[in-house]
Protein backbone atom coordinates (compact mmCIF):
# COMPACT_ATOMS: atom_id res chain seq x y z
CA UNK A 1 192.00 108.35 255.29
CA UNK A 2 190.87 110.16 258.25
CA UNK A 3 187.35 110.04 259.61
CA UNK A 4 185.71 113.50 259.06
CA UNK A 5 183.61 114.58 262.29
CA UNK A 6 181.45 116.88 263.39
CA UNK A 7 181.28 118.03 267.13
CA UNK A 8 177.70 118.80 268.66
CA UNK A 9 177.41 120.67 271.91
CA UNK A 10 175.53 123.43 272.95
CA UNK A 11 178.17 124.39 275.54
CA UNK A 12 180.84 126.59 273.40
CA UNK A 13 184.10 125.74 275.94
CA UNK A 14 182.67 121.82 275.72
CA UNK A 15 183.19 122.28 271.85
CA UNK A 16 186.47 123.78 271.43
CA UNK A 17 187.70 121.79 274.35
CA UNK A 18 186.82 118.23 272.66
CA UNK A 19 187.94 119.56 269.20
CA UNK A 20 191.23 120.34 270.65
CA UNK A 21 191.24 117.23 272.24
CA UNK A 22 190.53 115.03 268.68
CA UNK A 23 193.52 117.35 266.83
CA UNK A 24 195.89 116.84 269.85
CA UNK A 25 195.24 113.20 270.20
CA UNK A 26 193.21 111.36 267.26
CA UNK A 27 195.49 111.80 264.03
CA UNK A 28 192.81 110.05 262.27
CA UNK A 29 189.67 112.73 263.29
CA UNK A 30 189.21 115.68 261.15
CA UNK A 31 186.78 118.03 262.74
CA UNK A 32 185.04 119.55 260.14
CA UNK A 33 182.40 121.78 261.92
CA UNK A 34 180.35 122.26 264.75
CA UNK A 35 177.51 123.10 266.35
CA UNK A 36 175.49 124.62 269.50
CA UNK A 37 172.24 123.61 268.83
CA UNK A 38 170.32 121.16 266.89
CA UNK A 39 168.98 123.23 264.24
CA UNK A 40 172.58 124.11 263.18
CA UNK A 41 173.50 120.70 264.03
CA UNK A 42 171.09 118.92 261.27
CA UNK A 43 172.34 121.60 258.63
CA UNK A 44 176.24 121.10 259.40
CA UNK A 45 175.73 116.98 259.39
CA UNK A 46 173.30 117.47 255.80
CA UNK A 47 175.89 119.76 254.15
CA UNK A 48 179.03 117.78 255.33
CA UNK A 49 178.10 114.65 255.16
CA UNK A 50 180.71 113.52 258.34
CA UNK A 51 181.77 110.22 259.30
CA UNK A 52 181.23 110.65 262.82
CA UNK A 53 179.33 112.90 264.64
CA UNK A 54 180.62 113.61 268.66
CA UNK A 55 177.10 114.55 270.41
CA UNK A 56 176.16 115.74 273.84
CA UNK A 57 172.61 114.37 274.58
CA UNK A 58 172.05 116.69 277.24
CA UNK A 59 171.51 119.76 275.07
CA UNK A 60 170.00 120.93 278.06
CA UNK A 61 167.27 117.63 279.18
CA UNK A 62 168.76 114.64 277.25
CA UNK A 63 166.45 114.30 274.68
CA UNK A 64 167.77 116.65 271.93
CA UNK A 65 170.35 114.76 270.44
CA UNK A 66 168.10 111.88 270.09
CA UNK A 67 165.59 113.93 268.11
CA UNK A 68 168.56 115.53 266.10
CA UNK A 69 169.14 112.06 264.81
CA UNK A 70 165.69 111.12 264.10
CA UNK A 71 165.12 113.95 262.18
CA UNK A 72 167.82 113.44 259.64
CA UNK A 73 167.15 111.55 256.71
CA UNK A 74 170.44 110.13 255.42
CA UNK A 75 171.81 108.68 258.28
CA UNK A 76 175.16 107.28 256.94
CA UNK A 77 177.39 108.25 259.99
CA UNK A 78 178.07 107.00 263.36
CA UNK A 79 177.74 108.82 266.95
CA UNK A 80 179.82 108.96 269.49
CA UNK A 81 177.75 109.85 272.65
CA UNK A 82 179.43 112.81 274.98
CA UNK A 83 177.87 112.53 278.03
CA UNK A 84 177.45 113.33 281.75
CA UNK A 85 174.76 110.55 282.49
CA UNK A 86 175.65 108.02 284.81
CA UNK A 87 174.82 104.52 286.01
CA UNK A 88 171.61 103.41 284.33
CA UNK A 89 172.79 105.34 281.26
CA UNK A 90 175.68 103.11 281.16
CA UNK A 91 173.81 100.06 281.30
CA UNK A 92 171.87 101.27 278.29
CA UNK A 93 174.85 102.20 276.30
CA UNK A 94 176.06 98.94 276.84
CA UNK A 95 172.97 97.10 276.12
CA UNK A 96 172.97 98.48 272.95
CA UNK A 97 176.79 98.88 271.40
CA UNK A 98 176.98 102.20 271.29
CA UNK A 99 180.11 104.10 272.00
CA UNK A 100 179.98 107.06 274.21
CA UNK A 101 182.55 109.41 276.63
CA UNK A 102 182.04 110.52 279.94
CA UNK A 103 182.65 113.92 280.82
CA UNK A 104 184.97 115.49 281.37
CA UNK A 105 186.36 113.48 278.62
CA UNK A 106 189.40 111.24 279.70
CA UNK A 107 191.90 111.23 276.95
CA UNK A 108 192.37 107.35 276.98
CA UNK A 109 188.42 107.13 276.69
CA UNK A 110 188.16 109.07 273.62
CA UNK A 111 191.03 107.90 271.48
CA UNK A 112 189.39 104.18 272.32
CA UNK A 113 185.74 105.23 271.39
CA UNK A 114 187.84 106.72 268.17
CA UNK A 115 189.29 103.08 267.45
CA UNK A 116 185.92 101.84 267.97
CA UNK A 117 184.39 103.87 265.26
CA UNK A 118 187.35 103.59 262.86
CA UNK A 119 186.51 99.51 263.47
CA UNK A 120 182.91 100.14 262.98
CA UNK A 121 183.04 102.28 259.59
CA UNK A 122 185.76 99.63 257.80
CA UNK A 123 182.80 97.05 258.71
CA UNK A 124 179.61 99.64 257.59
CA UNK A 125 181.40 100.85 254.37
CA UNK A 126 180.90 96.89 253.11
CA UNK A 127 177.81 96.64 254.67
CA UNK A 128 175.63 100.15 254.60
CA UNK A 129 172.53 98.22 255.13
CA UNK A 130 174.12 97.83 259.00
CA UNK A 131 173.08 102.04 259.11
CA UNK A 132 169.24 100.66 260.03
CA UNK A 133 170.62 98.22 262.52
CA UNK A 134 172.59 100.78 264.38
CA UNK A 135 169.83 103.46 264.03
CA UNK A 136 167.55 101.39 265.53
CA UNK A 137 169.87 100.19 267.97
CA UNK A 138 170.37 104.08 268.87
CA UNK A 139 166.31 104.30 269.26
CA UNK A 140 166.52 101.25 271.96
CA UNK A 141 169.22 103.26 273.60
CA UNK A 142 166.79 106.63 273.57
CA UNK A 143 163.66 104.41 275.17
CA UNK A 144 165.87 102.72 277.85
CA UNK A 145 166.95 106.31 279.02
CA UNK A 146 163.89 107.49 278.80
CA UNK A 147 161.99 104.70 280.97
CA UNK A 148 165.80 104.21 283.20
CA UNK A 149 164.88 100.65 283.15
CA UNK A 150 165.92 97.40 280.94
CA UNK A 151 165.35 97.36 277.51
CA UNK A 152 164.37 93.69 275.84
CA UNK A 153 167.24 94.12 273.12
CA UNK A 154 170.87 93.75 272.87
CA UNK A 155 173.18 94.47 270.44
CA UNK A 156 176.37 92.51 270.13
CA UNK A 157 178.90 94.17 267.63
CA UNK A 158 180.26 91.79 265.34
CA UNK A 159 182.87 92.25 262.09
CA UNK A 160 180.30 92.72 259.36
CA UNK A 161 177.83 95.37 262.07
CA UNK A 162 175.79 94.78 264.96
CA UNK A 163 173.23 91.89 265.54
CA UNK A 164 170.22 93.15 267.86
CA UNK A 165 168.93 90.23 270.12
CA UNK A 166 165.48 89.84 272.13
CA UNK A 167 166.70 89.17 275.72
CA UNK A 168 164.11 86.52 276.04
CA UNK A 169 165.69 84.33 273.23
CA UNK A 170 169.10 83.98 275.15
CA UNK A 171 168.70 80.68 277.89
CA UNK A 172 171.67 81.15 279.31
CA UNK A 173 175.02 82.92 279.41
CA UNK A 174 178.92 81.41 280.31
CA UNK A 175 182.00 83.21 280.72
CA UNK A 176 184.79 82.31 278.43
CA UNK A 177 188.18 84.13 279.61
CA UNK A 178 187.02 87.75 278.68
CA UNK A 179 184.69 87.17 276.43
CA UNK A 180 180.93 85.57 277.12
CA UNK A 181 178.65 82.89 275.11
CA UNK A 182 175.30 83.53 274.73
CA UNK A 183 172.98 80.24 274.06
CA UNK A 184 169.56 80.66 272.23
CA UNK A 185 166.35 78.90 272.65
CA UNK A 186 167.12 77.78 269.15
CA UNK A 187 170.15 76.22 269.50
CA UNK A 188 172.43 78.79 268.41
CA UNK A 189 174.86 80.44 270.59
CA UNK A 190 177.23 83.57 269.98
CA UNK A 191 180.40 84.85 271.51
CA UNK A 192 180.78 88.65 272.42
CA UNK A 193 183.55 90.16 273.48
CA UNK A 194 182.07 91.94 276.62
CA UNK A 195 182.33 90.10 280.03
CA UNK A 196 180.08 87.94 281.92
CA UNK A 197 180.08 90.80 284.60
CA UNK A 198 179.03 93.24 282.03
CA UNK A 199 176.26 91.36 281.01
CA UNK A 200 175.10 91.22 284.69
CA UNK A 201 174.67 94.69 284.70
CA UNK A 202 172.48 95.10 281.60
CA UNK A 203 170.10 92.45 281.69
CA UNK A 204 167.23 92.65 284.04
CA UNK A 205 167.59 90.90 287.33
CA UNK A 206 163.92 90.22 287.65
CA UNK A 207 164.75 87.93 284.54
CA UNK A 208 168.35 87.30 285.00
CA UNK A 209 169.81 85.68 287.65
CA UNK A 210 173.99 84.87 288.21
CA UNK A 211 173.84 81.46 289.81
CA UNK A 212 177.63 80.94 288.97
CA UNK A 213 180.85 82.90 288.42
CA UNK A 214 180.30 81.38 284.84
CA UNK A 215 176.92 81.84 284.55
CA UNK A 216 173.86 83.58 283.96
CA UNK A 217 170.51 81.98 283.46
CA UNK A 218 167.47 83.06 282.29
CA UNK A 219 164.41 82.49 284.61
CA UNK A 220 161.85 82.03 282.20
CA UNK A 221 163.95 78.56 280.81
CA UNK A 222 164.35 77.07 284.33
CA UNK A 223 163.03 73.39 284.83
CA UNK A 224 164.38 72.44 288.27
CA UNK A 225 166.79 72.88 291.17
CA UNK A 226 168.60 70.00 292.50
CA UNK A 227 169.99 69.64 295.71
CA UNK A 228 171.70 66.13 295.66
CA UNK A 229 175.36 65.60 295.27
CA UNK A 230 175.93 69.59 294.69
CA UNK A 231 173.83 72.45 293.89
CA UNK A 232 172.03 72.59 290.54
CA UNK A 233 169.90 74.40 287.55
CA UNK A 234 168.11 72.35 284.99
CA UNK A 235 166.72 74.12 282.13
CA UNK A 236 163.82 73.48 279.85
CA UNK A 237 166.32 71.52 277.24
CA UNK A 238 167.50 69.59 279.78
CA UNK A 239 171.02 71.66 280.00
CA UNK A 240 172.43 71.17 283.88
CA UNK A 241 174.34 74.19 285.50
CA UNK A 242 176.33 74.12 289.14
CA UNK A 243 175.08 76.80 291.30
CA UNK A 244 177.96 78.18 293.43
CA UNK A 245 177.55 77.34 297.06
CA UNK A 246 177.44 80.87 298.36
CA UNK A 247 174.61 81.79 295.71
CA UNK A 248 172.11 78.75 296.90
CA UNK A 249 170.79 80.96 299.58
CA UNK A 250 169.43 83.84 297.49
CA UNK A 251 169.03 81.52 294.36
CA UNK A 252 166.29 79.63 296.38
CA UNK A 253 164.77 82.57 297.67
CA UNK A 254 164.60 84.14 294.05
CA UNK A 255 162.67 80.72 292.91
CA UNK A 256 160.37 80.95 295.87
CA UNK A 257 159.42 84.24 294.54
CA UNK A 258 158.19 83.83 291.29
């Protein structure tokens, strides 16, 4: 069954181009409508009940797209943000597990975004309550982009939906191949498919420090640093983690500045 899609962009050429790319390269998507402003977009979304909305978030200020989503009462669709924003915006997208493609649109990126939407649609269909968490994550995205800072929440996608976690609950993170294991203060842990490098980019560097190629620690849970028979960070729960030799100098400077 095809995904019913709406394309929202204030530029007519951009709407036509994206629709053409979806028709040509994404056979599982059927574009059933488009809109060039927020008022028309709301009408089209509410009247057609799409599965996914491809939404430009610079119309033209960047806030209109989020305002649109806030104004819709029955939000049972997914969103792919189409954006020219980079840097801090990409950090915010990744932190909140929200799908996006950059302008100019790359075909491979678009196909990957559609595949992710299909996966999410499957899990959300069996757990419709996940839409509430999903749009809370979009709200966090909006707040992070507005402040151009680091948010206090990180979203993790899983087979049944999205899990929102408070970054202050994370004690440390550990690389596991191309995945990352998050260890929490309550003793639980969670495997996420994002790499440790991605987490290094989305977590607040004033709180989290990468001490090793395999570990990032939350400095709030650091108890002690030892340089006997090596270099080690000891956390409040007694966990001992090695500090890479080439990171010791900056790590010590960071400790002294706390």
